[in-house]
Amino acid sequence: MVALPAKEPNLARKTDTIVLAYTTDTNGYLQSCGCAGGQVGGLARRATRMQQLRDESERRDQGFVFVDGGNLSDNVNKTEAVLESLSLMRCASTVYGSQEERLGTELIPSLEKWHVPIVRLLGDTDVKTDS
C-alpha cells in the first residue's frame, strides 16, 4: 500500500484511469550511464519523462502516480541528491531498499528534509538467486 500525498493534483481527478510510473535501482547514477550502446538513466532524463507522462495524463484527464522502488545509492550525499530530485518530481513514495538499509541512521536527516515517504518492507529486501 502506498500513501499518496495530498499535494498531487492529478490524483484529485474523477477518472477510471490512473497512470502509474515506476522507477527503481538508481544506484547513485545521477547522470546518464555513458554506455556505448545508447545513453540510459540519469535524474534529468527521469524528471523529463515524469513530466511528459504527467502532462499526457492531464491532457487525457487521467490520474498520475509516480513511485520509486528504492536502492537510491549506497552513499549518503548521492542518496540526498536522489531524494531531492524525487521530491521535485513529486514522487509519491519510495521503498527502503538494501542500499538504504546499509546507510542506516545516516539517512534520517535527508528523509526528514526532502519529505519523500519511504515504505519499509518487512523481511529481506535483497533478491537471492540460486547459482
Protein backbone atom coordinates (compact mmCIF):
# COMPACT_ATOMS: atom_id res chain seq x y z
CA MET A 1 0.00 0.00 0.00
CA VAL A 2 1.32 3.44 -0.93
CA ALA A 3 0.26 6.57 0.93
CA LEU A 4 -0.38 9.28 -1.63
CA PRO A 5 0.31 12.88 -0.66
CA ALA A 6 -2.47 15.43 -0.98
CA LYS A 7 -0.17 17.75 -2.94
CA GLU A 8 -0.54 15.61 -6.08
CA PRO A 9 -3.23 17.43 -8.10
CA ASN A 10 -3.73 14.72 -10.74
CA LEU A 11 -4.97 12.30 -8.09
CA ALA A 12 -7.97 14.50 -7.35
CA ARG A 13 -9.41 13.89 -10.82
CA LYS A 14 -12.51 11.76 -11.07
CA THR A 15 -11.31 9.17 -13.52
CA ASP A 16 -11.30 5.45 -14.04
CA THR A 17 -7.70 5.52 -15.24
CA ILE A 18 -4.54 6.19 -13.29
CA VAL A 19 -1.14 6.11 -14.95
CA LEU A 20 1.47 4.55 -12.66
CA ALA A 21 5.10 5.43 -13.33
CA TYR A 22 7.59 3.20 -11.52
CA THR A 23 11.36 3.53 -11.30
CA THR A 24 13.88 1.64 -9.20
CA ASP A 25 17.57 0.95 -8.59
CA THR A 26 19.01 4.40 -9.23
CA ASN A 27 22.18 3.06 -7.58
CA GLY A 28 23.69 6.53 -7.32
CA TYR A 29 23.69 7.20 -11.07
CA LEU A 30 22.91 10.90 -11.07
CA GLN A 31 23.79 11.33 -14.75
CA SER A 32 23.39 9.16 -17.85
CA CYS A 33 25.35 5.92 -17.74
CA GLY A 34 27.84 6.69 -20.52
CA CYS A 35 27.06 3.35 -22.15
CA ALA A 36 28.33 2.77 -25.68
CA GLY A 37 25.03 1.21 -26.79
CA GLY A 38 22.86 4.25 -26.05
CA GLN A 39 22.51 6.59 -23.13
CA VAL A 40 20.17 5.44 -20.39
CA GLY A 41 19.49 6.65 -16.88
CA GLY A 42 20.17 9.92 -15.16
CA LEU A 43 17.92 12.03 -12.98
CA ALA A 44 17.45 14.77 -15.58
CA ARG A 45 16.14 12.23 -18.08
CA ARG A 46 13.88 10.72 -15.45
CA ALA A 47 12.49 14.14 -14.48
CA THR A 48 11.82 14.97 -18.14
CA ARG A 49 10.00 11.67 -18.67
CA MET A 50 7.94 12.02 -15.50
CA GLN A 51 6.83 15.50 -16.59
CA GLN A 52 5.94 14.19 -20.06
CA LEU A 53 3.85 11.39 -18.53
CA ARG A 54 2.23 13.78 -16.05
CA ASP A 55 1.33 16.25 -18.84
CA GLU A 56 0.00 13.48 -21.07
CA SER A 57 -2.11 12.11 -18.22
CA GLU A 58 -3.55 15.55 -17.56
CA ARG A 59 -4.42 16.05 -21.25
CA ARG A 60 -6.26 12.72 -21.18
CA ASP A 61 -7.94 13.58 -17.87
CA GLN A 62 -6.21 10.63 -16.18
CA GLY A 63 -4.72 10.40 -12.74
CA PHE A 64 -0.95 10.08 -12.39
CA VAL A 65 1.16 8.48 -9.67
CA PHE A 66 4.96 8.23 -9.63
CA VAL A 67 6.58 5.78 -7.20
CA ASP A 68 10.14 4.53 -6.83
CA GLY A 69 11.35 1.08 -5.79
CA GLY A 70 14.32 2.19 -3.70
CA ASN A 71 18.04 1.41 -3.85
CA LEU A 72 18.79 5.07 -4.45
CA SER A 73 22.51 4.92 -3.59
CA ASP A 74 24.95 3.47 -1.08
CA ASN A 75 26.31 6.98 -0.40
CA VAL A 76 24.50 9.50 1.84
CA ASN A 77 25.32 12.53 -0.34
CA LYS A 78 24.16 10.83 -3.53
CA THR A 79 21.07 9.50 -1.76
CA GLU A 80 20.22 13.03 -0.66
CA ALA A 81 20.61 14.25 -4.25
CA VAL A 82 18.29 11.49 -5.47
CA LEU A 83 15.75 12.26 -2.71
CA GLU A 84 15.81 15.94 -3.65
CA SER A 85 15.18 15.00 -7.29
CA LEU A 86 12.37 12.61 -6.36
CA SER A 87 10.79 15.34 -4.26
CA LEU A 88 10.97 17.82 -7.16
CA MET A 89 9.46 15.15 -9.44
CA ARG A 90 6.62 14.79 -6.91
CA CYS A 91 7.36 11.14 -6.22
CA ALA A 92 4.53 9.72 -4.08
CA SER A 93 6.74 7.19 -2.29
CA THR A 94 9.92 5.16 -2.45
CA VAL A 95 10.97 1.90 -0.81
CA TYR A 96 13.61 1.48 1.87
CA GLY A 97 15.85 -0.86 -0.12
CA SER A 98 19.01 -2.74 0.75
CA GLN A 99 21.23 0.28 -0.04
CA GLU A 100 19.19 2.50 2.27
CA GLU A 101 19.33 -0.22 4.93
CA ARG A 102 23.13 -0.19 4.81
CA LEU A 103 23.17 3.60 5.33
CA GLY A 104 21.10 3.20 8.49
CA THR A 105 20.57 6.26 10.66
CA GLU A 106 22.86 8.42 8.49
CA LEU A 107 19.93 8.72 6.10
CA ILE A 108 17.37 10.11 8.59
CA PRO A 109 18.19 13.84 8.17
CA SER A 110 17.82 13.53 4.37
CA LEU A 111 14.47 11.77 4.72
CA GLU A 112 13.17 14.49 7.01
CA LYS A 113 14.45 17.26 4.75
CA TRP A 114 13.00 16.07 1.44
CA HIS A 115 9.65 14.67 2.59
CA VAL A 116 9.57 11.70 0.25
CA PRO A 117 7.57 8.99 2.02
CA ILE A 118 9.51 5.75 2.33
CA VAL A 119 7.82 2.39 2.67
CA ARG A 120 9.85 -0.15 4.58
CA LEU A 121 9.33 -3.75 3.57
CA LEU A 122 9.38 -6.45 6.17
CA GLY A 123 11.98 -9.13 5.66
CA ASP A 124 14.93 -9.37 3.33
CA THR A 125 14.94 -6.74 0.55
CA ASP A 126 17.72 -8.37 -1.47
CA VAL A 127 16.70 -10.77 -4.21
CA LYS A 128 18.59 -14.03 -3.98
CA THR A 129 19.03 -16.43 -6.85
CA ASP A 130 20.38 -19.96 -6.97
CA SER A 131 23.62 -20.01 -8.91
